[in-house]
Protein backbone atom coordinates (compact mmCIF):
# COMPACT_ATOMS: atom_id res chain seq x y z
CA UNK A 1 0.00 0.00 0.00
CA UNK A 2 2.76 2.42 0.93
CA UNK A 3 4.56 1.82 -2.39
CA UNK A 4 1.39 2.73 -4.29
CA UNK A 5 1.12 6.04 -2.46
CA UNK A 6 4.82 6.70 -3.00
CA UNK A 7 4.53 5.90 -6.71
CA UNK A 8 1.46 8.11 -7.06
CA UNK A 9 3.30 10.98 -5.38
CA UNK A 10 6.29 10.65 -7.75
CA UNK A 11 3.94 10.46 -10.74
CA UNK A 12 2.34 13.74 -9.67
CA UNK A 13 5.72 15.41 -9.11
CA UNK A 14 7.04 14.30 -12.50
CA UNK A 15 3.82 15.30 -14.26
CA UNK A 16 3.85 18.70 -12.57
CA UNK A 17 7.51 19.24 -13.46
CA UNK A 18 6.77 18.28 -17.06
CA UNK A 19 3.91 20.77 -17.22
CA UNK A 20 6.15 23.52 -15.80
CA UNK A 21 8.89 22.73 -18.33
CA UNK A 22 6.36 22.78 -21.19
CA UNK A 23 5.02 26.17 -20.10
CA UNK A 24 8.54 27.60 -19.73
CA UNK A 25 9.51 26.35 -23.20
CA UNK A 26 6.37 27.85 -24.72
CA UNK A 27 7.12 31.19 -23.07
CA UNK A 28 10.74 31.11 -24.24
CA UNK A 29 9.60 30.31 -27.78
CA UNK A 30 7.15 33.19 -27.74
CA UNK A 31 9.84 35.53 -26.37
CA UNK A 32 12.27 34.40 -29.09
CA UNK A 33 9.70 35.06 -31.82
CA UNK A 34 8.92 38.48 -30.36
CA UNK A 35 12.61 39.36 -30.06
CA UNK A 36 13.34 38.23 -33.61
CA UNK A 37 10.48 40.24 -35.04
CA UNK A 38 11.43 43.26 -32.95
CA UNK A 39 15.04 43.11 -34.13
CA UNK A 40 14.10 42.68 -37.76
CA UNK A 41 11.62 45.57 -37.63
CA UNK A 42 14.11 47.76 -35.79
CA UNK A 43 16.85 47.21 -38.37
CA UNK A 44 14.41 47.75 -41.24
CA UNK A 45 13.10 50.97 -39.67
CA UNK A 46 16.63 52.33 -39.29
CA UNK A 47 17.90 51.36 -42.76
CA UNK A 48 14.91 52.44 -44.86
CA UNK A 49 15.18 56.20 -44.12
CA UNK A 50 18.88 56.05 -45.05
CA UNK A 51 18.03 54.29 -48.33
CA UNK A 52 20.43 51.44 -47.51
CA UNK A 53 19.92 48.46 -49.81
CA UNK A 54 21.71 45.20 -50.44
CA UNK A 55 22.11 43.35 -53.72
CA UNK A 56 20.14 40.15 -54.23
CA UNK A 57 21.70 37.00 -52.79
CA UNK A 58 22.54 35.69 -56.28
CA UNK A 59 24.62 38.80 -57.03
CA UNK A 60 26.72 38.51 -53.87
CA UNK A 61 30.11 36.81 -53.93
CA UNK A 62 32.25 35.53 -51.05
CA UNK A 63 34.49 38.60 -51.49
PDB file of N, CA and C in Angstrom:
ATOM      1  N   UNK A   1       0.822  -1.198   0.000  1.00  0.00           N
ATOM      2  CA  UNK A   1       0.000   0.000   0.000  1.00  0.00           C
ATOM      3  C   UNK A   1       0.866   1.262   0.000  1.00  0.00           C
ATOM      4  N   UNK A   2       1.909   1.244   0.822  1.00  0.00           N
ATOM      5  CA  UNK A   2       2.757   2.419   0.929  1.00  0.00           C
ATOM      6  C   UNK A   2       3.505   2.678  -0.376  1.00  0.00           C
ATOM      7  N   UNK A   3       3.881   1.633  -1.112  1.00  0.00           N
ATOM      8  CA  UNK A   3       4.564   1.815  -2.390  1.00  0.00           C
ATOM      9  C   UNK A   3       3.644   2.459  -3.414  1.00  0.00           C
ATOM     10  N   UNK A   4       2.349   2.156  -3.356  1.00  0.00           N
ATOM     11  CA  UNK A   4       1.390   2.734  -4.289  1.00  0.00           C
ATOM     12  C   UNK A   4       1.267   4.238  -4.056  1.00  0.00           C
ATOM     13  N   UNK A   5       1.206   4.630  -2.793  1.00  0.00           N
ATOM     14  CA  UNK A   5       1.119   6.044  -2.455  1.00  0.00           C
ATOM     15  C   UNK A   5       2.398   6.755  -2.886  1.00  0.00           C
ATOM     16  N   UNK A   6       3.546   6.123  -2.635  1.00  0.00           N
ATOM     17  CA  UNK A   6       4.822   6.701  -2.999  1.00  0.00           C
ATOM     18  C   UNK A   6       4.934   6.859  -4.522  1.00  0.00           C
ATOM     19  N   UNK A   7       4.491   5.846  -5.248  1.00  0.00           N
ATOM     20  CA  UNK A   7       4.530   5.900  -6.713  1.00  0.00           C
ATOM     21  C   UNK A   7       3.592   6.998  -7.227  1.00  0.00           C
ATOM     22  N   UNK A   8       2.429   7.101  -6.648  1.00  0.00           N
ATOM     23  CA  UNK A   8       1.463   8.109  -7.063  1.00  0.00           C
ATOM     24  C   UNK A   8       2.022   9.517  -6.828  1.00  0.00           C
ATOM     25  N   UNK A   9       2.718   9.687  -5.685  1.00  0.00           N
ATOM     26  CA  UNK A   9       3.297  10.982  -5.375  1.00  0.00           C
ATOM     27  C   UNK A   9       4.373  11.336  -6.410  1.00  0.00           C
ATOM     28  N   UNK A  10       5.249  10.398  -6.748  1.00  0.00           N
ATOM     29  CA  UNK A  10       6.287  10.647  -7.748  1.00  0.00           C
ATOM     30  C   UNK A  10       5.680  10.925  -9.115  1.00  0.00           C
ATOM     31  N   UNK A  11       4.621  10.213  -9.465  1.00  0.00           N
ATOM     32  CA  UNK A  11       3.937  10.463 -10.742  1.00  0.00           C
ATOM     33  C   UNK A  11       3.411  11.893 -10.798  1.00  0.00           C
ATOM     34  N   UNK A  12       2.852  12.374  -9.711  1.00  0.00           N
ATOM     35  CA  UNK A  12       2.338  13.741  -9.671  1.00  0.00           C
ATOM     36  C   UNK A  12       3.468  14.763  -9.751  1.00  0.00           C
ATOM     37  N   UNK A  13       4.575  14.488  -9.078  1.00  0.00           N
ATOM     38  CA  UNK A  13       5.722  15.406  -9.108  1.00  0.00           C
ATOM     39  C   UNK A  13       6.290  15.479 -10.522  1.00  0.00           C
ATOM     40  N   UNK A  14       6.476  14.332 -11.145  1.00  0.00           N
ATOM     41  CA  UNK A  14       7.041  14.301 -12.497  1.00  0.00           C
ATOM     42  C   UNK A  14       6.085  14.947 -13.494  1.00  0.00           C
ATOM     43  N   UNK A  15       4.801  14.683 -13.363  1.00  0.00           N
ATOM     44  CA  UNK A  15       3.821  15.299 -14.260  1.00  0.00           C
ATOM     45  C   UNK A  15       3.789  16.810 -14.076  1.00  0.00           C
ATOM     46  N   UNK A  16       3.831  17.259 -12.841  1.00  0.00           N
ATOM     47  CA  UNK A  16       3.848  18.695 -12.572  1.00  0.00           C
ATOM     48  C   UNK A  16       5.108  19.352 -13.114  1.00  0.00           C
ATOM     49  N   UNK A  17       6.250  18.697 -12.935  1.00  0.00           N
ATOM     50  CA  UNK A  17       7.507  19.241 -13.460  1.00  0.00           C
ATOM     51  C   UNK A  17       7.465  19.295 -14.983  1.00  0.00           C
ATOM     52  N   UNK A  18       6.903  18.277 -15.608  1.00  0.00           N
ATOM     53  CA  UNK A  18       6.770  18.275 -17.064  1.00  0.00           C
ATOM     54  C   UNK A  18       5.887  19.410 -17.546  1.00  0.00           C
ATOM     55  N   UNK A  19       4.809  19.670 -16.840  1.00  0.00           N
ATOM     56  CA  UNK A  19       3.915  20.773 -17.216  1.00  0.00           C
ATOM     57  C   UNK A  19       4.631  22.114 -17.064  1.00  0.00           C
ATOM     58  N   UNK A  20       5.401  22.272 -16.011  1.00  0.00           N
ATOM     59  CA  UNK A  20       6.146  23.518 -15.802  1.00  0.00           C
ATOM     60  C   UNK A  20       7.181  23.711 -16.911  1.00  0.00           C
ATOM     61  N   UNK A  21       7.894  22.645 -17.256  1.00  0.00           N
ATOM     62  CA  UNK A  21       8.893  22.730 -18.327  1.00  0.00           C
ATOM     63  C   UNK A  21       8.224  23.090 -19.650  1.00  0.00           C
ATOM     64  N   UNK A  22       7.080  22.485 -19.945  1.00  0.00           N
ATOM     65  CA  UNK A  22       6.364  22.776 -21.186  1.00  0.00           C
ATOM     66  C   UNK A  22       5.945  24.244 -21.239  1.00  0.00           C
ATOM     67  N   UNK A  23       5.448  24.769 -20.141  1.00  0.00           N
ATOM     68  CA  UNK A  23       5.024  26.168 -20.102  1.00  0.00           C
ATOM     69  C   UNK A  23       6.232  27.095 -20.279  1.00  0.00           C
ATOM     70  N   UNK A  24       7.332  26.778 -19.618  1.00  0.00           N
ATOM     71  CA  UNK A  24       8.541  27.602 -19.733  1.00  0.00           C
ATOM     72  C   UNK A  24       9.045  27.591 -21.173  1.00  0.00           C
ATOM     73  N   UNK A  25       9.054  26.424 -21.814  1.00  0.00           N
ATOM     74  CA  UNK A  25       9.512  26.349 -23.200  1.00  0.00           C
ATOM     75  C   UNK A  25       8.596  27.124 -24.138  1.00  0.00           C
ATOM     76  N   UNK A  26       7.304  27.073 -23.904  1.00  0.00           N
ATOM     77  CA  UNK A  26       6.368  27.853 -24.721  1.00  0.00           C
ATOM     78  C   UNK A  26       6.619  29.351 -24.549  1.00  0.00           C
ATOM     79  N   UNK A  27       6.843  29.777 -23.323  1.00  0.00           N
ATOM     80  CA  UNK A  27       7.121  31.191 -23.065  1.00  0.00           C
ATOM     81  C   UNK A  27       8.443  31.623 -23.700  1.00  0.00           C
ATOM     82  N   UNK A  28       9.462  30.774 -23.621  1.00  0.00           N
ATOM     83  CA  UNK A  28      10.739  31.105 -24.243  1.00  0.00           C
ATOM     84  C   UNK A  28      10.607  31.178 -25.761  1.00  0.00           C
ATOM     85  N   UNK A  29       9.829  30.279 -26.341  1.00  0.00           N
ATOM     86  CA  UNK A  29       9.604  30.310 -27.781  1.00  0.00           C
ATOM     87  C   UNK A  29       8.887  31.583 -28.194  1.00  0.00           C
ATOM     88  N   UNK A  30       7.876  31.960 -27.438  1.00  0.00           N
ATOM     89  CA  UNK A  30       7.149  33.194 -27.740  1.00  0.00           C
ATOM     90  C   UNK A  30       8.065  34.405 -27.599  1.00  0.00           C
ATOM     91  N   UNK A  31       8.906  34.419 -26.568  1.00  0.00           N
ATOM     92  CA  UNK A  31       9.836  35.528 -26.371  1.00  0.00           C
ATOM     93  C   UNK A  31      10.862  35.581 -27.509  1.00  0.00           C
ATOM     94  N   UNK A  32      11.316  34.428 -27.985  1.00  0.00           N
ATOM     95  CA  UNK A  32      12.272  34.396 -29.094  1.00  0.00           C
ATOM     96  C   UNK A  32      11.633  34.928 -30.371  1.00  0.00           C
ATOM     97  N   UNK A  33      10.400  34.550 -30.637  1.00  0.00           N
ATOM     98  CA  UNK A  33       9.699  35.060 -31.816  1.00  0.00           C
ATOM     99  C   UNK A  33       9.511  36.572 -31.718  1.00  0.00           C
ATOM    100  N   UNK A  34       9.100  37.039 -30.564  1.00  0.00           N
ATOM    101  CA  UNK A  34       8.917  38.480 -30.365  1.00  0.00           C
ATOM    102  C   UNK A  34      10.243  39.226 -30.557  1.00  0.00           C
ATOM    103  N   UNK A  35      11.299  38.709 -29.945  1.00  0.00           N
ATOM    104  CA  UNK A  35      12.606  39.358 -30.057  1.00  0.00           C
ATOM    105  C   UNK A  35      13.116  39.373 -31.487  1.00  0.00           C
ATOM    106  N   UNK A  36      12.913  38.278 -32.215  1.00  0.00           N
ATOM    107  CA  UNK A  36      13.341  38.228 -33.608  1.00  0.00           C
ATOM    108  C   UNK A  36      12.590  39.219 -34.465  1.00  0.00           C
ATOM    109  N   UNK A  37      11.282  39.276 -34.283  1.00  0.00           N
ATOM    110  CA  UNK A  37      10.477  40.239 -35.044  1.00  0.00           C
ATOM    111  C   UNK A  37      10.829  41.675 -34.676  1.00  0.00           C
ATOM    112  N   UNK A  38      11.053  41.924 -33.397  1.00  0.00           N
ATOM    113  CA  UNK A  38      11.428  43.262 -32.951  1.00  0.00           C
ATOM    114  C   UNK A  38      12.755  43.685 -33.581  1.00  0.00           C
ATOM    115  N   UNK A  39      13.736  42.791 -33.555  1.00  0.00           N
ATOM    116  CA  UNK A  39      15.040  43.105 -34.128  1.00  0.00           C
ATOM    117  C   UNK A  39      14.965  43.355 -35.624  1.00  0.00           C
ATOM    118  N   UNK A  40      14.232  42.520 -36.317  1.00  0.00           N
ATOM    119  CA  UNK A  40      14.096  42.680 -37.765  1.00  0.00           C
ATOM    120  C   UNK A  40      13.400  44.005 -38.106  1.00  0.00           C
ATOM    121  N   UNK A  41      12.332  44.307 -37.392  1.00  0.00           N
ATOM    122  CA  UNK A  41      11.620  45.565 -37.630  1.00  0.00           C
ATOM    123  C   UNK A  41      12.491  46.773 -37.289  1.00  0.00           C
ATOM    124  N   UNK A  42      13.253  46.670 -36.216  1.00  0.00           N
ATOM    125  CA  UNK A  42      14.109  47.763 -35.785  1.00  0.00           C
ATOM    126  C   UNK A  42      15.172  48.058 -36.835  1.00  0.00           C
ATOM    127  N   UNK A  43      15.824  47.019 -37.352  1.00  0.00           N
ATOM    128  CA  UNK A  43      16.852  47.214 -38.372  1.00  0.00           C
ATOM    129  C   UNK A  43      16.218  47.787 -39.636  1.00  0.00           C
ATOM    130  N   UNK A  44      15.083  47.249 -40.044  1.00  0.00           N
ATOM    131  CA  UNK A  44      14.410  47.753 -41.243  1.00  0.00           C
ATOM    132  C   UNK A  44      14.041  49.235 -41.077  1.00  0.00           C
ATOM    133  N   UNK A  45      13.503  49.585 -39.912  1.00  0.00           N
ATOM    134  CA  UNK A  45      13.098  50.973 -39.670  1.00  0.00           C
ATOM    135  C   UNK A  45      14.289  51.936 -39.685  1.00  0.00           C
ATOM    136  N   UNK A  46      15.452  51.459 -39.308  1.00  0.00           N
ATOM    137  CA  UNK A  46      16.630  52.329 -39.286  1.00  0.00           C
ATOM    138  C   UNK A  46      17.315  52.411 -40.653  1.00  0.00           C
ATOM    139  N   UNK A  47      17.231  51.346 -41.466  1.00  0.00           N
ATOM    140  CA  UNK A  47      17.899  51.360 -42.761  1.00  0.00           C
ATOM    141  C   UNK A  47      17.067  52.009 -43.863  1.00  0.00           C
ATOM    142  N   UNK A  48      15.756  51.886 -43.798  1.00  0.00           N
ATOM    143  CA  UNK A  48      14.913  52.445 -44.858  1.00  0.00           C
ATOM    144  C   UNK A  48      15.059  53.957 -45.009  1.00  0.00           C
ATOM    145  N   UNK A  49      15.035  54.749 -43.945  1.00  0.00           N
ATOM    146  CA  UNK A  49      15.179  56.203 -44.124  1.00  0.00           C
ATOM    147  C   UNK A  49      16.538  56.592 -44.718  1.00  0.00           C
ATOM    148  N   UNK A  50      17.549  55.758 -44.526  1.00  0.00           N
ATOM    149  CA  UNK A  50      18.878  56.045 -45.049  1.00  0.00           C
ATOM    150  C   UNK A  50      19.047  55.510 -46.469  1.00  0.00           C
ATOM    151  N   UNK A  51      18.018  54.868 -46.984  1.00  0.00           N
ATOM    152  CA  UNK A  51      18.030  54.293 -48.334  1.00  0.00           C
ATOM    153  C   UNK A  51      19.159  53.268 -48.504  1.00  0.00           C
ATOM    154  N   UNK A  52      19.425  52.488 -47.455  1.00  0.00           N
ATOM    155  CA  UNK A  52      20.435  51.445 -47.511  1.00  0.00           C
ATOM    156  C   UNK A  52      19.802  50.210 -48.122  1.00  0.00           C
ATOM    157  N   UNK A  53      20.420  49.671 -49.163  1.00  0.00           N
ATOM    158  CA  UNK A  53      19.921  48.461 -49.807  1.00  0.00           C
ATOM    159  C   UNK A  53      21.071  47.482 -49.997  1.00  0.00           C
ATOM    160  N   UNK A  54      20.731  46.246 -50.202  1.00  0.00           N
ATOM    161  CA  UNK A  54      21.708  45.199 -50.436  1.00  0.00           C
ATOM    162  C   UNK A  54      21.380  44.522 -51.753  1.00  0.00           C
ATOM    163  N   UNK A  55      22.400  44.038 -52.484  1.00  0.00           N
ATOM    164  CA  UNK A  55      22.111  43.346 -53.725  1.00  0.00           C
ATOM    165  C   UNK A  55      21.423  42.010 -53.434  1.00  0.00           C
ATOM    166  N   UNK A  56      20.769  41.450 -54.440  1.00  0.00           N
ATOM    167  CA  UNK A  56      20.139  40.149 -54.226  1.00  0.00           C
ATOM    168  C   UNK A  56      21.190  39.088 -53.880  1.00  0.00           C
ATOM    169  N   UNK A  57      20.782  38.052 -53.235  1.00  0.00           N
ATOM    170  CA  UNK A  57      21.702  37.000 -52.794  1.00  0.00           C
ATOM    171  C   UNK A  57      22.494  36.420 -53.957  1.00  0.00           C
ATOM    172  N   UNK A  58      21.861  36.276 -55.114  1.00  0.00           N
ATOM    173  CA  UNK A  58      22.540  35.685 -56.277  1.00  0.00           C
ATOM    174  C   UNK A  58      23.689  36.563 -56.758  1.00  0.00           C
ATOM    175  N   UNK A  59      23.595  37.870 -56.555  1.00  0.00           N
ATOM    176  CA  UNK A  59      24.622  38.804 -57.033  1.00  0.00           C
ATOM    177  C   UNK A  59      25.791  38.910 -56.057  1.00  0.00           C
ATOM    178  N   UNK A  60      25.657  38.387 -54.867  1.00  0.00           N
ATOM    179  CA  UNK A  60      26.722  38.506 -53.874  1.00  0.00           C
ATOM    180  C   UNK A  60      27.750  37.418 -54.082  1.00  0.00           C
ATOM    181  N   UNK A  61      29.016  37.771 -53.841  1.00  0.00           N
ATOM    182  CA  UNK A  61      30.108  36.812 -53.935  1.00  0.00           C
ATOM    183  C   UNK A  61      30.770  36.701 -52.567  1.00  0.00           C
ATOM    184  N   UNK A  62      31.574  35.667 -52.348  1.00  0.00           N
ATOM    185  CA  UNK A  62      32.250  35.530 -51.050  1.00  0.00           C
ATOM    186  C   UNK A  62      33.169  36.716 -50.718  1.00  0.00           C
ATOM    187  N   UNK A  63      33.619  37.443 -51.742  1.00  0.00           N
ATOM    188  CA  UNK A  63      34.487  38.602 -51.492  1.00  0.00           C
ATOM    189  C   UNK A  63      33.669  39.703 -50.907  1.00  0.00           C
TER     190      UNK A  63
END
